């Protein structure tokens, strides 16, 4: 795998998992928790999100094959879905922090936000799941590339964990405006990734048109 693709995988997953947005949502959901309690919640959320992310990435290809869905079709559909996510991020129509505020007022019997809404959908939302399946789809069955992408995903998840643990400091330094600006900038990057996915999918269809 080239350095360029490794960097692409890292930037894509970093944009999708978005540690700053995760930190802002985490701070909203855990204002009255002790420091050890916050660390425990952040660790559980990161582990659960990582398992979901890598698990979906591994079974995604088999699922599509069983359903008769080509990767070209998935790239186009995934690109359009990511584009919608990007538009929401750029225009702040729906943010993870807003989801956290809504979830904060919803009843949670366990009182533990690690699974919902942190692991799902704040950390591993539709955009992240689409991205990991697309990345794994570029491995061409090479186990070493699978391993490298998995390591990149785990590294980004580690960044998300540290961002949540340091959420109070991050949100205090950036402020509401800084977090909002970071989300919008990330949205522009996600939009570019989405458009490229659509282009790749259309090119693959034109190059290898399906038999009718």
N, C-alpha and C. Protein backbone atom coordinates (compact mmCIF):
# COMPACT_ATOMS: atom_id res chain seq x y z
N UNK A 1 0.85 -1.19 0.00
CA UNK A 1 0.00 0.00 0.00
C UNK A 1 0.88 1.24 0.00
N UNK A 2 0.55 2.20 -0.84
CA UNK A 2 1.34 3.42 -0.95
C UNK A 2 1.08 4.33 0.25
N UNK A 3 2.05 5.22 0.46
CA UNK A 3 1.90 6.20 1.54
C UNK A 3 0.68 7.08 1.28
N UNK A 4 0.45 7.38 -0.01
CA UNK A 4 -0.70 8.24 -0.35
C UNK A 4 -2.01 7.62 0.07
N UNK A 5 -2.18 6.31 -0.16
CA UNK A 5 -3.43 5.66 0.23
C UNK A 5 -3.54 5.56 1.75
N UNK A 6 -2.43 5.32 2.42
CA UNK A 6 -2.44 5.29 3.89
C UNK A 6 -2.89 6.64 4.45
N UNK A 7 -2.36 7.71 3.85
CA UNK A 7 -2.75 9.05 4.29
C UNK A 7 -4.22 9.30 3.99
N UNK A 8 -4.68 8.83 2.83
CA UNK A 8 -6.09 8.98 2.46
C UNK A 8 -6.98 8.27 3.47
N UNK A 9 -6.59 7.03 3.85
CA UNK A 9 -7.37 6.27 4.82
C UNK A 9 -7.40 6.99 6.16
N UNK A 10 -6.26 7.53 6.59
CA UNK A 10 -6.19 8.23 7.87
C UNK A 10 -7.06 9.48 7.87
N UNK A 11 -6.94 10.29 6.82
CA UNK A 11 -7.72 11.54 6.76
C UNK A 11 -9.21 11.24 6.67
N UNK A 12 -9.57 10.22 5.89
CA UNK A 12 -10.98 9.86 5.75
C UNK A 12 -11.57 9.44 7.09
N UNK A 13 -10.90 8.55 7.78
CA UNK A 13 -11.42 8.08 9.08
C UNK A 13 -11.38 9.19 10.13
N UNK A 14 -10.35 10.04 10.07
CA UNK A 14 -10.27 11.15 11.02
C UNK A 14 -11.44 12.11 10.81
N UNK A 15 -11.77 12.36 9.54
CA UNK A 15 -12.90 13.26 9.24
C UNK A 15 -14.22 12.63 9.66
N UNK A 16 -14.36 11.31 9.44
CA UNK A 16 -15.62 10.64 9.76
C UNK A 16 -15.83 10.49 11.27
N UNK A 17 -14.78 10.10 11.98
CA UNK A 17 -14.90 9.90 13.43
C UNK A 17 -14.84 11.22 14.19
N UNK A 18 -14.13 12.20 13.65
CA UNK A 18 -14.14 13.58 14.13
C UNK A 18 -13.94 13.71 15.65
N UNK A 19 -12.71 13.56 16.12
CA UNK A 19 -12.44 13.61 17.57
C UNK A 19 -12.95 14.89 18.26
N UNK A 20 -12.86 16.03 17.59
CA UNK A 20 -13.29 17.28 18.22
C UNK A 20 -14.79 17.28 18.47
N UNK A 21 -15.57 16.84 17.47
CA UNK A 21 -17.03 16.76 17.65
C UNK A 21 -17.37 15.73 18.73
N UNK A 22 -16.65 14.61 18.74
CA UNK A 22 -16.89 13.60 19.76
C UNK A 22 -16.60 14.15 21.16
N UNK A 23 -15.53 14.95 21.26
CA UNK A 23 -15.19 15.55 22.55
C UNK A 23 -16.26 16.52 23.01
N UNK A 24 -16.78 17.32 22.08
CA UNK A 24 -17.83 18.28 22.43
C UNK A 24 -19.09 17.56 22.90
N UNK A 25 -19.47 16.48 22.20
CA UNK A 25 -20.64 15.71 22.60
C UNK A 25 -20.41 15.03 23.95
N UNK A 26 -19.20 14.51 24.14
CA UNK A 26 -18.85 13.83 25.40
C UNK A 26 -18.96 14.80 26.58
N UNK A 27 -18.46 16.01 26.39
CA UNK A 27 -18.52 17.01 27.46
C UNK A 27 -19.96 17.35 27.81
N UNK A 28 -20.83 17.38 26.79
CA UNK A 28 -22.24 17.68 27.02
C UNK A 28 -22.93 16.56 27.78
N UNK A 29 -22.53 15.32 27.49
CA UNK A 29 -23.20 14.16 28.09
C UNK A 29 -22.69 13.81 29.49
N UNK A 30 -21.49 14.27 29.84
CA UNK A 30 -20.90 13.85 31.12
C UNK A 30 -20.46 15.03 31.98
N UNK A 31 -21.31 16.04 32.18
CA UNK A 31 -20.85 17.22 32.92
C UNK A 31 -20.65 16.97 34.40
N UNK A 32 -21.41 16.03 34.99
CA UNK A 32 -21.37 15.82 36.43
C UNK A 32 -20.61 14.55 36.82
N UNK A 33 -19.93 13.93 35.88
CA UNK A 33 -19.21 12.69 36.17
C UNK A 33 -17.85 13.00 36.78
N UNK A 34 -17.36 12.07 37.60
CA UNK A 34 -16.02 12.20 38.14
C UNK A 34 -15.00 11.91 37.04
N UNK A 35 -13.75 12.30 37.27
CA UNK A 35 -12.71 12.05 36.27
C UNK A 35 -12.55 10.56 35.98
N UNK A 36 -12.47 9.68 37.00
CA UNK A 36 -12.41 8.24 36.69
C UNK A 36 -13.64 7.75 35.94
N UNK A 37 -14.80 8.29 36.30
CA UNK A 37 -16.03 7.90 35.61
C UNK A 37 -16.02 8.30 34.15
N UNK A 38 -15.52 9.51 33.87
CA UNK A 38 -15.43 9.97 32.48
C UNK A 38 -14.48 9.09 31.68
N UNK A 39 -13.35 8.74 32.29
CA UNK A 39 -12.38 7.91 31.58
C UNK A 39 -12.97 6.54 31.28
N UNK A 40 -13.74 5.99 32.22
CA UNK A 40 -14.35 4.68 32.01
C UNK A 40 -15.37 4.73 30.88
N UNK A 41 -16.18 5.78 30.85
CA UNK A 41 -17.18 5.92 29.79
C UNK A 41 -16.49 6.10 28.44
N UNK A 42 -15.46 6.93 28.41
CA UNK A 42 -14.73 7.16 27.15
C UNK A 42 -14.10 5.87 26.64
N UNK A 43 -13.55 5.06 27.57
CA UNK A 43 -12.92 3.80 27.16
C UNK A 43 -13.96 2.83 26.61
N UNK A 44 -15.09 2.70 27.30
CA UNK A 44 -16.13 1.79 26.82
C UNK A 44 -16.67 2.23 25.48
N UNK A 45 -16.92 3.52 25.33
CA UNK A 45 -17.44 4.04 24.07
C UNK A 45 -16.47 3.80 22.92
N UNK A 46 -15.18 4.00 23.18
CA UNK A 46 -14.16 3.81 22.14
C UNK A 46 -14.05 2.35 21.72
N UNK A 47 -14.06 1.45 22.71
CA UNK A 47 -13.95 0.02 22.40
C UNK A 47 -15.17 -0.45 21.61
N UNK A 48 -16.35 -0.07 22.07
CA UNK A 48 -17.58 -0.49 21.38
C UNK A 48 -17.61 0.08 19.96
N UNK A 49 -17.26 1.35 19.82
CA UNK A 49 -17.25 1.97 18.50
C UNK A 49 -16.23 1.30 17.58
N UNK A 50 -15.05 0.96 18.13
CA UNK A 50 -14.03 0.30 17.33
C UNK A 50 -14.47 -1.07 16.85
N UNK A 51 -15.11 -1.84 17.74
CA UNK A 51 -15.60 -3.16 17.36
C UNK A 51 -16.67 -3.05 16.27
N UNK A 52 -17.58 -2.10 16.43
CA UNK A 52 -18.62 -1.91 15.43
C UNK A 52 -18.02 -1.49 14.09
N UNK A 53 -17.07 -0.57 14.14
CA UNK A 53 -16.47 -0.04 12.91
C UNK A 53 -15.75 -1.15 12.14
N UNK A 54 -14.86 -1.87 12.81
CA UNK A 54 -14.08 -2.91 12.14
C UNK A 54 -14.96 -4.11 11.78
N UNK A 55 -15.91 -4.43 12.64
CA UNK A 55 -16.81 -5.55 12.35
C UNK A 55 -17.63 -5.30 11.11
N UNK A 56 -18.20 -4.10 11.01
CA UNK A 56 -19.00 -3.77 9.84
C UNK A 56 -18.13 -3.71 8.59
N UNK A 57 -16.90 -3.21 8.76
CA UNK A 57 -16.00 -3.15 7.61
C UNK A 57 -15.67 -4.53 7.07
N UNK A 58 -15.52 -5.52 7.98
CA UNK A 58 -15.15 -6.88 7.57
C UNK A 58 -16.31 -7.63 6.93
N UNK A 59 -17.53 -7.47 7.48
CA UNK A 59 -18.66 -8.23 6.95
C UNK A 59 -19.37 -7.50 5.82
N UNK A 60 -19.02 -6.21 5.63
CA UNK A 60 -19.72 -5.43 4.61
C UNK A 60 -19.61 -6.03 3.23
N UNK A 61 -18.39 -6.45 2.84
CA UNK A 61 -18.18 -7.01 1.51
C UNK A 61 -18.99 -8.29 1.31
N UNK A 62 -19.02 -9.16 2.33
CA UNK A 62 -19.78 -10.40 2.23
C UNK A 62 -21.29 -10.11 2.16
N UNK A 63 -21.72 -9.11 2.89
CA UNK A 63 -23.12 -8.73 2.87
C UNK A 63 -23.53 -8.23 1.50
N UNK A 64 -22.70 -7.39 0.90
CA UNK A 64 -23.01 -6.86 -0.43
C UNK A 64 -23.02 -7.97 -1.47
N UNK A 65 -22.06 -8.90 -1.35
CA UNK A 65 -22.01 -10.01 -2.29
C UNK A 65 -23.27 -10.86 -2.19
N UNK A 66 -23.73 -11.09 -0.96
CA UNK A 66 -24.94 -11.89 -0.75
C UNK A 66 -26.17 -11.19 -1.33
N UNK A 67 -26.16 -9.88 -1.28
CA UNK A 67 -27.29 -9.10 -1.79
C UNK A 67 -27.16 -8.77 -3.27
N UNK A 68 -26.01 -9.13 -3.85
CA UNK A 68 -25.80 -8.84 -5.26
C UNK A 68 -25.50 -7.39 -5.54
N UNK A 69 -24.90 -6.70 -4.57
CA UNK A 69 -24.58 -5.28 -4.72
C UNK A 69 -23.11 -5.15 -5.08
N UNK A 70 -22.79 -4.41 -6.13
CA UNK A 70 -21.41 -4.21 -6.53
C UNK A 70 -20.79 -3.07 -5.72
N UNK A 71 -19.46 -3.08 -5.66
CA UNK A 71 -18.78 -2.00 -4.94
C UNK A 71 -18.97 -0.67 -5.67
N UNK A 72 -19.13 -0.72 -6.99
CA UNK A 72 -19.38 0.51 -7.74
C UNK A 72 -20.68 1.15 -7.27
N UNK A 73 -21.71 0.31 -7.12
CA UNK A 73 -23.01 0.83 -6.65
C UNK A 73 -22.89 1.36 -5.23
N UNK A 74 -22.12 0.63 -4.40
CA UNK A 74 -21.96 1.07 -3.02
C UNK A 74 -21.18 2.38 -2.95
N UNK A 75 -20.16 2.52 -3.79
CA UNK A 75 -19.39 3.77 -3.78
C UNK A 75 -20.29 4.95 -4.16
N UNK A 76 -21.13 4.76 -5.16
CA UNK A 76 -22.02 5.85 -5.58
C UNK A 76 -23.02 6.16 -4.47
N UNK A 77 -23.66 5.11 -3.92
CA UNK A 77 -24.64 5.32 -2.86
C UNK A 77 -23.97 5.90 -1.61
N UNK A 78 -22.80 5.34 -1.27
CA UNK A 78 -22.08 5.83 -0.10
C UNK A 78 -21.62 7.27 -0.28
N UNK A 79 -21.18 7.60 -1.49
CA UNK A 79 -20.76 8.97 -1.78
C UNK A 79 -21.91 9.95 -1.63
N UNK A 80 -23.08 9.56 -2.12
CA UNK A 80 -24.26 10.44 -2.00
C UNK A 80 -24.66 10.60 -0.54
N UNK A 81 -24.57 9.50 0.22
CA UNK A 81 -24.89 9.57 1.65
C UNK A 81 -23.90 10.46 2.39
N UNK A 82 -22.62 10.29 2.09
CA UNK A 82 -21.61 11.13 2.72
C UNK A 82 -21.78 12.60 2.34
N UNK A 83 -22.21 12.83 1.10
CA UNK A 83 -22.42 14.21 0.67
C UNK A 83 -23.52 14.87 1.49
N UNK A 84 -24.56 14.11 1.79
CA UNK A 84 -25.63 14.64 2.63
C UNK A 84 -25.11 14.94 4.03
N UNK A 85 -24.30 14.01 4.57
CA UNK A 85 -23.69 14.23 5.89
C UNK A 85 -22.83 15.49 5.87
N UNK A 86 -22.06 15.65 4.78
CA UNK A 86 -21.16 16.80 4.66
C UNK A 86 -21.95 18.11 4.61
N UNK A 87 -23.05 18.11 3.86
CA UNK A 87 -23.88 19.32 3.77
C UNK A 87 -24.42 19.68 5.14
N UNK A 88 -24.88 18.67 5.89
CA UNK A 88 -25.37 18.93 7.25
C UNK A 88 -24.27 19.51 8.14
N UNK A 89 -23.04 18.99 7.98
CA UNK A 89 -21.92 19.47 8.79
C UNK A 89 -21.56 20.91 8.44
N UNK A 90 -21.51 21.21 7.13
CA UNK A 90 -21.11 22.55 6.70
C UNK A 90 -22.13 23.59 7.12
N UNK A 91 -23.42 23.25 6.99
CA UNK A 91 -24.47 24.23 7.31
C UNK A 91 -25.02 24.05 8.72
N UNK A 92 -24.35 23.16 9.50
CA UNK A 92 -24.72 22.96 10.91
C UNK A 92 -26.20 22.65 11.08
N UNK A 93 -26.74 21.85 10.13
CA UNK A 93 -28.15 21.48 10.23
C UNK A 93 -28.38 20.41 11.27
N UNK A 94 -27.34 19.57 11.48
CA UNK A 94 -27.46 18.49 12.45
C UNK A 94 -26.07 18.16 12.94
N UNK A 95 -25.83 18.38 14.20
CA UNK A 95 -24.49 18.16 14.74
C UNK A 95 -24.53 17.13 15.83
N UNK A 96 -23.38 16.54 16.10
CA UNK A 96 -23.28 15.55 17.16
C UNK A 96 -23.56 16.18 18.51
N UNK A 97 -23.15 17.44 18.69
CA UNK A 97 -23.42 18.11 19.95
C UNK A 97 -24.91 18.28 20.16
N UNK A 98 -25.64 18.58 19.09
CA UNK A 98 -27.09 18.70 19.19
C UNK A 98 -27.71 17.36 19.54
N UNK A 99 -27.19 16.28 18.93
CA UNK A 99 -27.68 14.95 19.27
C UNK A 99 -27.42 14.67 20.74
N UNK A 100 -26.28 15.07 21.22
CA UNK A 100 -25.95 14.83 22.62
C UNK A 100 -26.89 15.59 23.53
N UNK A 101 -27.22 16.82 23.17
CA UNK A 101 -28.13 17.62 23.99
C UNK A 101 -29.50 16.94 24.06
N UNK A 102 -29.98 16.43 22.88
CA UNK A 102 -31.26 15.75 22.85
C UNK A 102 -31.22 14.48 23.68
N UNK A 103 -30.12 13.73 23.57
CA UNK A 103 -30.00 12.47 24.30
C UNK A 103 -29.88 12.72 25.79
N UNK A 104 -29.32 13.87 26.14
CA UNK A 104 -29.14 14.18 27.56
C UNK A 104 -30.48 14.32 28.27
N UNK A 105 -31.52 14.76 27.52
CA UNK A 105 -32.84 14.93 28.10
C UNK A 105 -33.69 13.68 27.95
N UNK A 106 -33.17 12.65 27.25
CA UNK A 106 -33.92 11.41 27.06
C UNK A 106 -33.60 10.46 28.21
N UNK A 107 -34.56 9.64 28.57
CA UNK A 107 -34.31 8.71 29.68
C UNK A 107 -33.37 7.59 29.28
N UNK A 108 -32.36 7.32 30.10
CA UNK A 108 -31.44 6.21 29.89
C UNK A 108 -31.44 5.39 31.18
N UNK A 109 -32.08 4.20 31.15
CA UNK A 109 -32.19 3.42 32.38
C UNK A 109 -30.84 3.15 33.03
N UNK A 110 -29.82 2.87 32.22
CA UNK A 110 -28.52 2.53 32.79
C UNK A 110 -27.73 3.76 33.21
N UNK A 111 -28.12 4.91 32.72
CA UNK A 111 -27.39 6.13 33.01
C UNK A 111 -26.02 6.15 32.37
N UNK A 112 -25.76 5.26 31.42
CA UNK A 112 -24.45 5.15 30.79
C UNK A 112 -24.58 5.49 29.31
N UNK A 113 -24.01 6.63 28.88
CA UNK A 113 -24.13 7.02 27.47
C UNK A 113 -23.08 6.40 26.56
N UNK A 114 -22.30 5.42 27.07
CA UNK A 114 -21.19 4.89 26.28
C UNK A 114 -21.64 4.26 24.98
N UNK A 115 -22.71 3.44 25.04
CA UNK A 115 -23.20 2.79 23.82
C UNK A 115 -24.01 3.77 22.99
N UNK A 116 -25.06 4.30 23.58
CA UNK A 116 -25.90 5.30 22.92
C UNK A 116 -26.00 6.52 23.81
N UNK A 117 -25.68 7.70 23.30
CA UNK A 117 -25.42 8.00 21.89
C UNK A 117 -23.95 8.11 21.50
N UNK A 118 -23.01 7.79 22.39
CA UNK A 118 -21.60 8.02 22.06
C UNK A 118 -21.08 7.07 20.98
N UNK A 119 -21.06 5.75 21.29
CA UNK A 119 -20.53 4.80 20.30
C UNK A 119 -21.34 4.84 19.02
N UNK A 120 -22.67 4.85 19.17
CA UNK A 120 -23.60 4.96 18.05
C UNK A 120 -24.62 6.02 18.43
N UNK A 121 -24.86 7.05 17.64
CA UNK A 121 -24.29 7.30 16.31
C UNK A 121 -23.21 8.38 16.29
N UNK A 122 -22.79 8.88 17.46
CA UNK A 122 -21.89 10.03 17.45
C UNK A 122 -20.51 9.67 16.90
N UNK A 123 -19.93 8.55 17.37
CA UNK A 123 -18.61 8.18 16.88
C UNK A 123 -18.71 7.39 15.58
N UNK A 124 -19.48 6.30 15.60
CA UNK A 124 -19.64 5.48 14.39
C UNK A 124 -21.03 5.69 13.82
N UNK A 125 -21.17 6.76 13.07
CA UNK A 125 -22.41 7.04 12.37
C UNK A 125 -22.39 6.44 10.97
N UNK A 126 -23.40 6.74 10.17
CA UNK A 126 -23.46 6.21 8.80
C UNK A 126 -22.23 6.57 7.97
N UNK A 127 -21.71 7.77 8.18
CA UNK A 127 -20.54 8.20 7.40
C UNK A 127 -19.32 7.34 7.69
N UNK A 128 -19.07 7.06 8.97
CA UNK A 128 -17.91 6.24 9.34
C UNK A 128 -18.05 4.82 8.83
N UNK A 129 -19.25 4.25 8.92
CA UNK A 129 -19.47 2.89 8.45
C UNK A 129 -19.31 2.81 6.93
N UNK A 130 -19.81 3.81 6.23
CA UNK A 130 -19.64 3.84 4.77
C UNK A 130 -18.16 3.94 4.42
N UNK A 131 -17.44 4.77 5.14
CA UNK A 131 -16.02 4.99 4.84
C UNK A 131 -15.20 3.72 5.05
N UNK A 132 -15.44 2.99 6.15
CA UNK A 132 -14.62 1.81 6.44
C UNK A 132 -14.89 0.70 5.43
N UNK A 133 -16.14 0.53 5.00
CA UNK A 133 -16.43 -0.50 4.00
C UNK A 133 -15.78 -0.13 2.67
N UNK A 134 -15.81 1.14 2.33
CA UNK A 134 -15.18 1.59 1.09
C UNK A 134 -13.68 1.37 1.13
N UNK A 135 -13.05 1.67 2.25
CA UNK A 135 -11.60 1.47 2.39
C UNK A 135 -11.24 -0.01 2.30
N UNK A 136 -12.00 -0.86 3.00
CA UNK A 136 -11.73 -2.29 2.94
C UNK A 136 -11.97 -2.84 1.53
N UNK A 137 -12.87 -2.17 0.80
CA UNK A 137 -13.14 -2.61 -0.57
C UNK A 137 -11.99 -2.35 -1.52
N UNK A 138 -11.05 -1.52 -1.11
CA UNK A 138 -9.88 -1.21 -1.94
C UNK A 138 -8.68 -2.11 -1.65
N UNK A 139 -8.85 -3.10 -0.77
CA UNK A 139 -7.72 -3.94 -0.37
C UNK A 139 -7.42 -5.03 -1.38
N UNK A 140 -8.40 -5.38 -2.23
CA UNK A 140 -8.23 -6.45 -3.23
C UNK A 140 -7.83 -7.77 -2.58
N UNK A 141 -8.37 -8.01 -1.38
CA UNK A 141 -8.13 -9.28 -0.71
C UNK A 141 -6.76 -9.44 -0.07
N UNK A 142 -5.97 -8.39 -0.03
CA UNK A 142 -4.63 -8.47 0.56
C UNK A 142 -4.75 -8.35 2.09
N UNK A 143 -4.41 -9.41 2.84
CA UNK A 143 -4.56 -9.35 4.30
C UNK A 143 -3.69 -8.29 4.96
N UNK A 144 -2.53 -7.97 4.37
CA UNK A 144 -1.67 -6.96 4.95
C UNK A 144 -2.31 -5.57 4.86
N UNK A 145 -3.03 -5.33 3.77
CA UNK A 145 -3.71 -4.04 3.62
C UNK A 145 -4.88 -3.97 4.60
N UNK A 146 -5.60 -5.10 4.76
CA UNK A 146 -6.65 -5.15 5.78
C UNK A 146 -6.08 -4.78 7.15
N UNK A 147 -4.94 -5.37 7.47
CA UNK A 147 -4.31 -5.13 8.76
C UNK A 147 -3.91 -3.67 8.92
N UNK A 148 -3.32 -3.09 7.87
CA UNK A 148 -2.87 -1.71 7.95
C UNK A 148 -4.04 -0.75 8.13
N UNK A 149 -5.13 -0.97 7.37
CA UNK A 149 -6.31 -0.12 7.51
C UNK A 149 -6.90 -0.28 8.92
N UNK A 150 -6.90 -1.51 9.42
CA UNK A 150 -7.43 -1.74 10.77
C UNK A 150 -6.59 -1.00 11.81
N UNK A 151 -5.27 -1.01 11.64
CA UNK A 151 -4.39 -0.29 12.57
C UNK A 151 -4.61 1.22 12.49
N UNK A 152 -4.82 1.71 11.28
CA UNK A 152 -5.11 3.14 11.11
C UNK A 152 -6.42 3.49 11.81
N UNK A 153 -7.42 2.63 11.63
CA UNK A 153 -8.72 2.87 12.28
C UNK A 153 -8.59 2.86 13.80
N UNK A 154 -7.81 1.92 14.33
CA UNK A 154 -7.62 1.85 15.78
C UNK A 154 -6.85 3.06 16.29
N UNK A 155 -5.90 3.54 15.50
CA UNK A 155 -5.14 4.74 15.90
C UNK A 155 -6.06 5.96 15.97
N UNK A 156 -6.92 6.09 14.96
CA UNK A 156 -7.87 7.22 14.97
C UNK A 156 -8.83 7.08 16.13
N UNK A 157 -9.26 5.84 16.42
CA UNK A 157 -10.14 5.63 17.57
C UNK A 157 -9.43 6.00 18.87
N UNK A 158 -8.13 5.76 18.93
CA UNK A 158 -7.36 6.16 20.11
C UNK A 158 -7.35 7.68 20.25
N UNK A 159 -7.24 8.39 19.13
CA UNK A 159 -7.32 9.85 19.16
C UNK A 159 -8.68 10.31 19.67
N UNK A 160 -9.73 9.60 19.25
CA UNK A 160 -11.08 9.93 19.71
C UNK A 160 -11.17 9.74 21.23
N UNK A 161 -10.58 8.64 21.73
CA UNK A 161 -10.59 8.38 23.17
C UNK A 161 -9.90 9.51 23.94
N UNK A 162 -8.70 9.88 23.50
CA UNK A 162 -7.97 10.94 24.20
C UNK A 162 -8.70 12.28 24.09
N UNK A 163 -9.37 12.51 22.96
CA UNK A 163 -10.14 13.74 22.81
C UNK A 163 -11.30 13.78 23.80
N UNK A 164 -11.96 12.64 23.99
CA UNK A 164 -13.07 12.59 24.96
C UNK A 164 -12.55 12.76 26.39
N UNK A 165 -11.43 12.10 26.70
CA UNK A 165 -10.87 12.24 28.05
C UNK A 165 -10.49 13.69 28.32
N UNK A 166 -9.97 14.37 27.31
CA UNK A 166 -9.59 15.78 27.47
C UNK A 166 -10.63 16.75 26.96
N UNK A 167 -11.89 16.29 26.94
CA UNK A 167 -12.97 17.10 26.34
C UNK A 167 -13.15 18.45 27.01
N UNK A 168 -13.03 18.48 28.34
CA UNK A 168 -13.22 19.76 29.04
C UNK A 168 -12.20 20.80 28.58
N UNK A 169 -10.95 20.38 28.45
CA UNK A 169 -9.90 21.30 28.02
C UNK A 169 -10.10 21.73 26.56
N UNK A 170 -10.47 20.76 25.71
CA UNK A 170 -10.65 21.05 24.28
C UNK A 170 -11.78 22.04 24.07
N UNK A 171 -12.92 21.78 24.68
CA UNK A 171 -14.06 22.67 24.50
C UNK A 171 -13.83 24.03 25.15
N UNK A 172 -13.04 24.05 26.23
CA UNK A 172 -12.75 25.33 26.87
C UNK A 172 -11.82 26.17 25.99
N UNK A 173 -10.83 25.53 25.36
CA UNK A 173 -9.89 26.25 24.50
C UNK A 173 -10.56 26.70 23.20
N UNK A 174 -11.26 25.78 22.55
CA UNK A 174 -11.88 26.11 21.27
C UNK A 174 -13.14 26.95 21.44
N UNK A 175 -13.90 26.65 22.47
CA UNK A 175 -15.17 27.34 22.66
C UNK A 175 -16.20 26.82 21.66
N UNK A 176 -17.42 27.30 21.80
CA UNK A 176 -18.49 26.88 20.90
C UNK A 176 -18.18 27.25 19.46
N UNK A 177 -17.61 28.44 19.26
CA UNK A 177 -17.29 28.88 17.90
C UNK A 177 -16.21 28.01 17.28
N UNK A 178 -15.21 27.66 18.05
CA UNK A 178 -14.13 26.83 17.53
C UNK A 178 -14.60 25.44 17.15
N UNK A 179 -15.43 24.84 18.00
CA UNK A 179 -15.96 23.51 17.71
C UNK A 179 -16.83 23.57 16.45
N UNK A 180 -17.64 24.62 16.34
CA UNK A 180 -18.50 24.78 15.17
C UNK A 180 -17.67 24.96 13.90
N UNK A 181 -16.62 25.77 13.98
CA UNK A 181 -15.77 26.00 12.82
C UNK A 181 -15.05 24.72 12.40
N UNK A 182 -14.59 23.94 13.38
CA UNK A 182 -13.94 22.66 13.08
C UNK A 182 -14.89 21.72 12.38
N UNK A 183 -16.13 21.67 12.84
CA UNK A 183 -17.13 20.81 12.22
C UNK A 183 -17.41 21.21 10.78
N UNK A 184 -17.48 22.50 10.52
CA UNK A 184 -17.75 22.97 9.16
C UNK A 184 -16.57 22.68 8.22
N UNK A 185 -15.35 22.89 8.73
CA UNK A 185 -14.17 22.60 7.92
C UNK A 185 -14.10 21.11 7.60
N UNK A 186 -14.39 20.28 8.60
CA UNK A 186 -14.42 18.84 8.37
C UNK A 186 -15.48 18.48 7.34
N UNK A 187 -16.60 19.18 7.38
CA UNK A 187 -17.67 18.94 6.41
C UNK A 187 -17.21 19.16 4.97
N UNK A 188 -16.38 20.17 4.75
CA UNK A 188 -15.86 20.44 3.41
C UNK A 188 -14.98 19.28 2.94
N UNK A 189 -14.14 18.77 3.86
CA UNK A 189 -13.28 17.63 3.53
C UNK A 189 -14.13 16.40 3.21
N UNK A 190 -15.17 16.17 4.01
CA UNK A 190 -16.06 15.03 3.78
C UNK A 190 -16.77 15.17 2.44
N UNK A 191 -17.16 16.38 2.08
CA UNK A 191 -17.82 16.60 0.79
C UNK A 191 -16.90 16.23 -0.37
N UNK A 192 -15.63 16.60 -0.26
CA UNK A 192 -14.68 16.26 -1.32
C UNK A 192 -14.49 14.75 -1.42
N UNK A 193 -14.41 14.07 -0.27
CA UNK A 193 -14.30 12.61 -0.26
C UNK A 193 -15.54 11.98 -0.89
N UNK A 194 -16.71 12.52 -0.57
CA UNK A 194 -17.97 11.99 -1.10
C UNK A 194 -18.03 12.11 -2.62
N UNK A 195 -17.66 13.27 -3.13
CA UNK A 195 -17.68 13.48 -4.58
C UNK A 195 -16.71 12.53 -5.28
N UNK A 196 -15.53 12.32 -4.67
CA UNK A 196 -14.56 11.40 -5.26
C UNK A 196 -15.09 9.97 -5.28
N UNK A 197 -15.82 9.57 -4.25
CA UNK A 197 -16.41 8.24 -4.23
C UNK A 197 -17.40 8.07 -5.37
N UNK A 198 -18.22 9.08 -5.61
CA UNK A 198 -19.19 9.01 -6.71
C UNK A 198 -18.47 8.93 -8.05
N UNK A 199 -17.43 9.74 -8.22
CA UNK A 199 -16.65 9.71 -9.47
C UNK A 199 -16.04 8.33 -9.69
N UNK A 200 -15.45 7.76 -8.63
CA UNK A 200 -14.85 6.43 -8.74
C UNK A 200 -15.89 5.38 -9.10
N UNK A 201 -17.06 5.47 -8.47
CA UNK A 201 -18.12 4.51 -8.75
C UNK A 201 -18.63 4.60 -10.18
N UNK A 202 -18.86 5.81 -10.65
CA UNK A 202 -19.34 6.01 -12.02
C UNK A 202 -18.29 5.54 -13.03
N UNK A 203 -17.03 5.85 -12.75
CA UNK A 203 -15.94 5.42 -13.64
C UNK A 203 -15.88 3.89 -13.73
N UNK A 204 -16.06 3.22 -12.58
CA UNK A 204 -16.01 1.75 -12.57
C UNK A 204 -17.18 1.17 -13.37
N UNK A 205 -18.35 1.78 -13.24
CA UNK A 205 -19.52 1.31 -13.99
C UNK A 205 -19.30 1.49 -15.50
N UNK A 206 -18.76 2.65 -15.89
CA UNK A 206 -18.52 2.91 -17.30
C UNK A 206 -17.43 1.98 -17.86
N UNK A 207 -16.45 1.68 -17.02
CA UNK A 207 -15.34 0.82 -17.47
C UNK A 207 -15.78 -0.63 -17.58
N UNK A 208 -16.60 -1.07 -16.62
CA UNK A 208 -17.10 -2.45 -16.62
C UNK A 208 -18.62 -2.43 -16.47
N UNK A 209 -19.35 -2.11 -17.54
CA UNK A 209 -20.81 -2.01 -17.43
C UNK A 209 -21.42 -3.36 -17.06
N UNK A 210 -22.43 -3.36 -16.18
CA UNK A 210 -23.06 -4.62 -15.79
C UNK A 210 -23.80 -5.27 -16.93
N UNK A 211 -23.80 -6.59 -16.95
CA UNK A 211 -24.50 -7.32 -18.00
C UNK A 211 -26.01 -7.22 -17.75
N UNK A 212 -26.73 -6.99 -18.82
CA UNK A 212 -28.21 -6.85 -18.72
C UNK A 212 -28.87 -8.12 -19.27
